Amino acid sequence: MRERLAAAYAAIPIIVSPPSIGDDLAINATSAGMSPSDGLPFDLASLSRGALVCEAIMKPARTRLLMEAEKLGHPIQEGRHMLDYQVGAIREFFGLQP
């Protein structure tokens, strides 16, 4: 996936790693968070103040990661928002028309 993103957005450095200080965007694209007993997929303390924390998981809508990030003052984006903007591409991929 990193290679595809890098090819599509050559001017933007695409780094796949745990978030680090100074990052202004962190996306959980793992399954961590689907179960209430799951730990956090990364350390929120490593993010810059005000970094956007995004989730790919749709159920639960508010994962532990998002709830903890919000408590720390980070803006958040639930997984369903990611899907909302992918529906068109999914339809096109499968040859479906709206």
N, C-alpha and C. Protein backbone atom coordinates (compact mmCIF):
# COMPACT_ATOMS: atom_id res chain seq x y z
N MET A 1 0.82 -1.18 0.00
CA MET A 1 0.00 0.00 0.00
C MET A 1 0.87 1.26 0.00
N ARG A 2 1.95 1.22 0.77
CA ARG A 2 2.84 2.37 0.83
C ARG A 2 3.34 2.73 -0.57
N GLU A 3 3.69 1.71 -1.35
CA GLU A 3 4.21 1.93 -2.69
C GLU A 3 3.15 2.56 -3.60
N ARG A 4 1.91 2.10 -3.48
CA ARG A 4 0.84 2.66 -4.31
C ARG A 4 0.58 4.12 -3.94
N LEU A 5 0.57 4.41 -2.64
CA LEU A 5 0.37 5.80 -2.22
C LEU A 5 1.52 6.68 -2.69
N ALA A 6 2.74 6.19 -2.55
CA ALA A 6 3.91 6.96 -2.96
C ALA A 6 3.87 7.24 -4.47
N ALA A 7 3.41 6.28 -5.25
CA ALA A 7 3.32 6.47 -6.70
C ALA A 7 2.23 7.50 -7.04
N ALA A 8 1.13 7.45 -6.32
CA ALA A 8 0.02 8.36 -6.60
C ALA A 8 0.28 9.78 -6.09
N TYR A 9 1.06 9.89 -5.02
CA TYR A 9 1.31 11.19 -4.39
C TYR A 9 2.81 11.39 -4.22
N ALA A 10 3.52 11.46 -5.32
CA ALA A 10 4.98 11.50 -5.30
C ALA A 10 5.55 12.68 -4.52
N ALA A 11 4.83 13.78 -4.45
CA ALA A 11 5.34 14.97 -3.76
C ALA A 11 5.19 14.89 -2.24
N ILE A 12 4.47 13.90 -1.76
CA ILE A 12 4.22 13.77 -0.32
C ILE A 12 4.97 12.57 0.22
N PRO A 13 5.80 12.77 1.25
CA PRO A 13 6.49 11.60 1.82
C PRO A 13 5.48 10.68 2.52
N ILE A 14 5.47 9.41 2.15
CA ILE A 14 4.57 8.42 2.74
C ILE A 14 5.41 7.54 3.66
N ILE A 15 5.13 7.61 4.96
CA ILE A 15 5.91 6.86 5.94
C ILE A 15 4.97 5.93 6.69
N VAL A 16 5.31 4.65 6.72
CA VAL A 16 4.52 3.67 7.46
C VAL A 16 5.32 3.30 8.70
N SER A 17 4.86 3.79 9.84
CA SER A 17 5.55 3.54 11.11
C SER A 17 4.64 3.99 12.23
N PRO A 18 4.98 3.63 13.46
CA PRO A 18 4.21 4.18 14.57
C PRO A 18 4.35 5.71 14.56
N PRO A 19 3.31 6.43 14.99
CA PRO A 19 3.40 7.89 15.02
C PRO A 19 4.57 8.36 15.88
N SER A 20 5.10 9.51 15.52
CA SER A 20 6.19 10.08 16.31
C SER A 20 5.92 11.55 16.56
N ILE A 21 6.66 12.12 17.47
CA ILE A 21 6.47 13.52 17.84
C ILE A 21 6.61 14.38 16.59
N GLY A 22 5.67 15.26 16.42
CA GLY A 22 5.67 16.14 15.27
C GLY A 22 4.68 15.71 14.20
N ASP A 23 4.23 14.46 14.24
CA ASP A 23 3.23 14.02 13.26
C ASP A 23 1.92 14.76 13.53
N ASP A 24 1.26 15.20 12.48
CA ASP A 24 0.00 15.90 12.66
C ASP A 24 -1.21 15.07 12.22
N LEU A 25 -0.95 13.82 11.85
CA LEU A 25 -2.02 12.90 11.44
C LEU A 25 -1.60 11.49 11.79
N ALA A 26 -2.50 10.75 12.44
CA ALA A 26 -2.25 9.34 12.74
C ALA A 26 -3.51 8.56 12.41
N ILE A 27 -3.34 7.47 11.64
CA ILE A 27 -4.48 6.65 11.22
C ILE A 27 -4.26 5.23 11.72
N ASN A 28 -5.26 4.70 12.44
CA ASN A 28 -5.21 3.30 12.82
C ASN A 28 -5.85 2.50 11.69
N ALA A 29 -5.03 1.77 10.96
CA ALA A 29 -5.52 0.94 9.86
C ALA A 29 -5.36 -0.54 10.21
N THR A 30 -5.35 -0.83 11.52
CA THR A 30 -5.25 -2.21 11.99
C THR A 30 -6.60 -2.63 12.56
N SER A 31 -6.70 -3.88 12.98
CA SER A 31 -7.94 -4.35 13.61
C SER A 31 -7.97 -4.03 15.10
N ALA A 32 -6.88 -3.48 15.64
CA ALA A 32 -6.84 -3.14 17.07
C ALA A 32 -7.91 -2.09 17.36
N GLY A 33 -8.82 -2.45 18.24
CA GLY A 33 -9.90 -1.55 18.60
C GLY A 33 -11.27 -2.13 18.34
N MET A 34 -11.32 -3.25 17.63
CA MET A 34 -12.62 -3.87 17.36
C MET A 34 -13.20 -4.51 18.61
N SER A 35 -12.33 -4.89 19.53
CA SER A 35 -12.76 -5.48 20.79
C SER A 35 -12.46 -4.50 21.92
N PRO A 36 -13.37 -4.35 22.88
CA PRO A 36 -13.13 -3.43 24.00
C PRO A 36 -11.87 -3.75 24.79
N SER A 37 -11.42 -4.99 24.73
CA SER A 37 -10.23 -5.38 25.50
C SER A 37 -8.93 -5.08 24.75
N ASP A 38 -9.02 -4.63 23.50
CA ASP A 38 -7.81 -4.31 22.73
C ASP A 38 -7.08 -3.12 23.33
N GLY A 39 -5.78 -3.20 23.30
CA GLY A 39 -4.96 -2.06 23.71
C GLY A 39 -4.94 -1.01 22.61
N LEU A 40 -4.32 0.11 22.90
CA LEU A 40 -4.19 1.15 21.89
C LEU A 40 -3.16 0.73 20.84
N PRO A 41 -3.40 1.00 19.58
CA PRO A 41 -2.46 0.60 18.53
C PRO A 41 -1.17 1.42 18.52
N PHE A 42 -1.19 2.58 19.15
CA PHE A 42 0.02 3.40 19.28
C PHE A 42 -0.15 4.35 20.46
N ASP A 43 0.96 4.93 20.87
CA ASP A 43 1.00 5.81 22.03
C ASP A 43 0.56 7.21 21.63
N LEU A 44 -0.56 7.65 22.15
CA LEU A 44 -1.08 8.97 21.82
C LEU A 44 -0.15 10.09 22.29
N ALA A 45 0.64 9.82 23.31
CA ALA A 45 1.57 10.84 23.82
C ALA A 45 2.64 11.18 22.79
N SER A 46 2.81 10.32 21.79
CA SER A 46 3.84 10.57 20.78
C SER A 46 3.39 11.57 19.72
N LEU A 47 2.11 11.92 19.72
CA LEU A 47 1.59 12.83 18.69
C LEU A 47 1.79 14.29 19.07
N SER A 48 1.87 15.14 18.06
CA SER A 48 1.94 16.57 18.34
C SER A 48 0.59 17.05 18.84
N ARG A 49 0.60 18.15 19.54
CA ARG A 49 -0.63 18.72 20.09
C ARG A 49 -1.57 19.06 18.93
N GLY A 50 -2.81 18.60 19.04
CA GLY A 50 -3.79 18.88 18.00
C GLY A 50 -3.74 17.98 16.79
N ALA A 51 -2.92 16.92 16.84
CA ALA A 51 -2.84 15.99 15.71
C ALA A 51 -4.19 15.31 15.50
N LEU A 52 -4.57 15.13 14.26
CA LEU A 52 -5.81 14.45 13.91
C LEU A 52 -5.61 12.95 14.05
N VAL A 53 -6.52 12.30 14.78
CA VAL A 53 -6.46 10.85 14.98
C VAL A 53 -7.64 10.23 14.23
N CYS A 54 -7.34 9.35 13.28
CA CYS A 54 -8.36 8.73 12.43
C CYS A 54 -8.42 7.23 12.67
N GLU A 55 -9.58 6.69 12.45
CA GLU A 55 -9.83 5.27 12.66
C GLU A 55 -10.40 4.68 11.38
N ALA A 56 -9.99 3.48 11.02
CA ALA A 56 -10.57 2.77 9.88
C ALA A 56 -11.71 1.86 10.34
N ILE A 57 -11.71 1.50 11.61
CA ILE A 57 -12.74 0.62 12.17
C ILE A 57 -14.08 1.36 12.23
N MET A 58 -15.15 0.66 11.83
CA MET A 58 -16.47 1.29 11.87
C MET A 58 -17.32 0.83 13.05
N LYS A 59 -17.06 -0.34 13.58
CA LYS A 59 -17.80 -0.83 14.75
C LYS A 59 -16.80 -1.34 15.76
N PRO A 60 -16.74 -0.75 16.90
CA PRO A 60 -17.58 0.35 17.37
C PRO A 60 -17.18 1.66 16.70
N ALA A 61 -18.15 2.57 16.62
CA ALA A 61 -17.87 3.87 16.00
C ALA A 61 -16.81 4.63 16.78
N ARG A 62 -16.90 4.58 18.08
CA ARG A 62 -15.93 5.26 18.94
C ARG A 62 -15.07 4.20 19.62
N THR A 63 -13.92 3.95 19.06
CA THR A 63 -13.00 2.98 19.65
C THR A 63 -12.31 3.62 20.86
N ARG A 64 -11.65 2.79 21.61
CA ARG A 64 -10.89 3.30 22.76
C ARG A 64 -9.87 4.34 22.30
N LEU A 65 -9.24 4.09 21.16
CA LEU A 65 -8.27 5.04 20.62
C LEU A 65 -8.91 6.41 20.43
N LEU A 66 -10.06 6.46 19.80
CA LEU A 66 -10.72 7.74 19.54
C LEU A 66 -11.16 8.41 20.83
N MET A 67 -11.69 7.63 21.76
CA MET A 67 -12.12 8.22 23.03
C MET A 67 -10.94 8.81 23.81
N GLU A 68 -9.83 8.07 23.84
CA GLU A 68 -8.65 8.56 24.56
C GLU A 68 -8.06 9.78 23.85
N ALA A 69 -8.03 9.75 22.53
CA ALA A 69 -7.50 10.89 21.77
C ALA A 69 -8.34 12.14 22.02
N GLU A 70 -9.64 11.96 22.04
CA GLU A 70 -10.54 13.10 22.28
C GLU A 70 -10.33 13.68 23.68
N LYS A 71 -10.14 12.81 24.66
CA LYS A 71 -9.87 13.28 26.03
C LYS A 71 -8.62 14.14 26.09
N LEU A 72 -7.65 13.82 25.23
CA LEU A 72 -6.39 14.57 25.20
C LEU A 72 -6.47 15.82 24.32
N GLY A 73 -7.65 16.07 23.75
CA GLY A 73 -7.84 17.27 22.95
C GLY A 73 -7.55 17.14 21.47
N HIS A 74 -7.35 15.91 21.01
CA HIS A 74 -7.10 15.71 19.59
C HIS A 74 -8.42 15.68 18.82
N PRO A 75 -8.46 16.29 17.64
CA PRO A 75 -9.63 16.09 16.79
C PRO A 75 -9.62 14.63 16.32
N ILE A 76 -10.80 14.07 16.11
CA ILE A 76 -10.88 12.66 15.72
C ILE A 76 -11.75 12.50 14.47
N GLN A 77 -11.57 11.38 13.81
CA GLN A 77 -12.42 11.02 12.67
C GLN A 77 -12.76 9.55 12.78
N GLU A 78 -14.05 9.25 12.85
CA GLU A 78 -14.51 7.87 12.96
C GLU A 78 -14.33 7.14 11.62
N GLY A 79 -14.28 5.82 11.70
CA GLY A 79 -14.06 4.99 10.52
C GLY A 79 -15.12 5.14 9.45
N ARG A 80 -16.35 5.40 9.85
CA ARG A 80 -17.43 5.52 8.86
C ARG A 80 -17.18 6.67 7.90
N HIS A 81 -16.48 7.71 8.36
CA HIS A 81 -16.19 8.84 7.47
C HIS A 81 -15.24 8.42 6.36
N MET A 82 -14.34 7.50 6.68
CA MET A 82 -13.43 6.98 5.66
C MET A 82 -14.24 6.25 4.58
N LEU A 83 -15.19 5.43 5.02
CA LEU A 83 -16.02 4.69 4.07
C LEU A 83 -16.88 5.63 3.23
N ASP A 84 -17.43 6.68 3.86
CA ASP A 84 -18.28 7.62 3.13
C ASP A 84 -17.60 8.12 1.86
N TYR A 85 -16.31 8.38 1.95
CA TYR A 85 -15.60 8.93 0.80
C TYR A 85 -15.00 7.86 -0.10
N GLN A 86 -15.16 6.59 0.26
CA GLN A 86 -14.66 5.50 -0.57
C GLN A 86 -15.77 4.84 -1.39
N VAL A 87 -17.01 5.12 -1.07
CA VAL A 87 -18.13 4.44 -1.72
C VAL A 87 -18.07 4.59 -3.24
N GLY A 88 -17.80 5.78 -3.73
CA GLY A 88 -17.72 6.00 -5.17
C GLY A 88 -16.65 5.15 -5.83
N ALA A 89 -15.48 5.09 -5.21
CA ALA A 89 -14.38 4.29 -5.75
C ALA A 89 -14.71 2.80 -5.70
N ILE A 90 -15.40 2.37 -4.64
CA ILE A 90 -15.80 0.97 -4.52
C ILE A 90 -16.80 0.61 -5.62
N ARG A 91 -17.78 1.49 -5.82
CA ARG A 91 -18.76 1.25 -6.89
C ARG A 91 -18.08 1.16 -8.25
N GLU A 92 -17.18 2.08 -8.50
CA GLU A 92 -16.46 2.08 -9.78
C GLU A 92 -15.65 0.80 -9.95
N PHE A 93 -14.97 0.38 -8.89
CA PHE A 93 -14.14 -0.83 -8.94
C PHE A 93 -14.97 -2.05 -9.32
N PHE A 94 -16.17 -2.15 -8.76
CA PHE A 94 -17.03 -3.31 -9.03
C PHE A 94 -17.96 -3.10 -10.22
N GLY A 95 -17.84 -1.97 -10.91
CA GLY A 95 -18.66 -1.71 -12.08
C GLY A 95 -20.10 -1.41 -11.76
N LEU A 96 -20.36 -0.89 -10.58
CA LEU A 96 -21.72 -0.56 -10.15
C LEU A 96 -21.98 0.92 -10.39
N GLN A 97 -23.19 1.24 -10.75
CA GLN A 97 -23.58 2.64 -10.94
C GLN A 97 -24.48 3.06 -9.80
N PRO A 98 -24.41 4.33 -9.41
CA PRO A 98 -25.28 4.81 -8.31
C PRO A 98 -26.75 4.76 -8.68
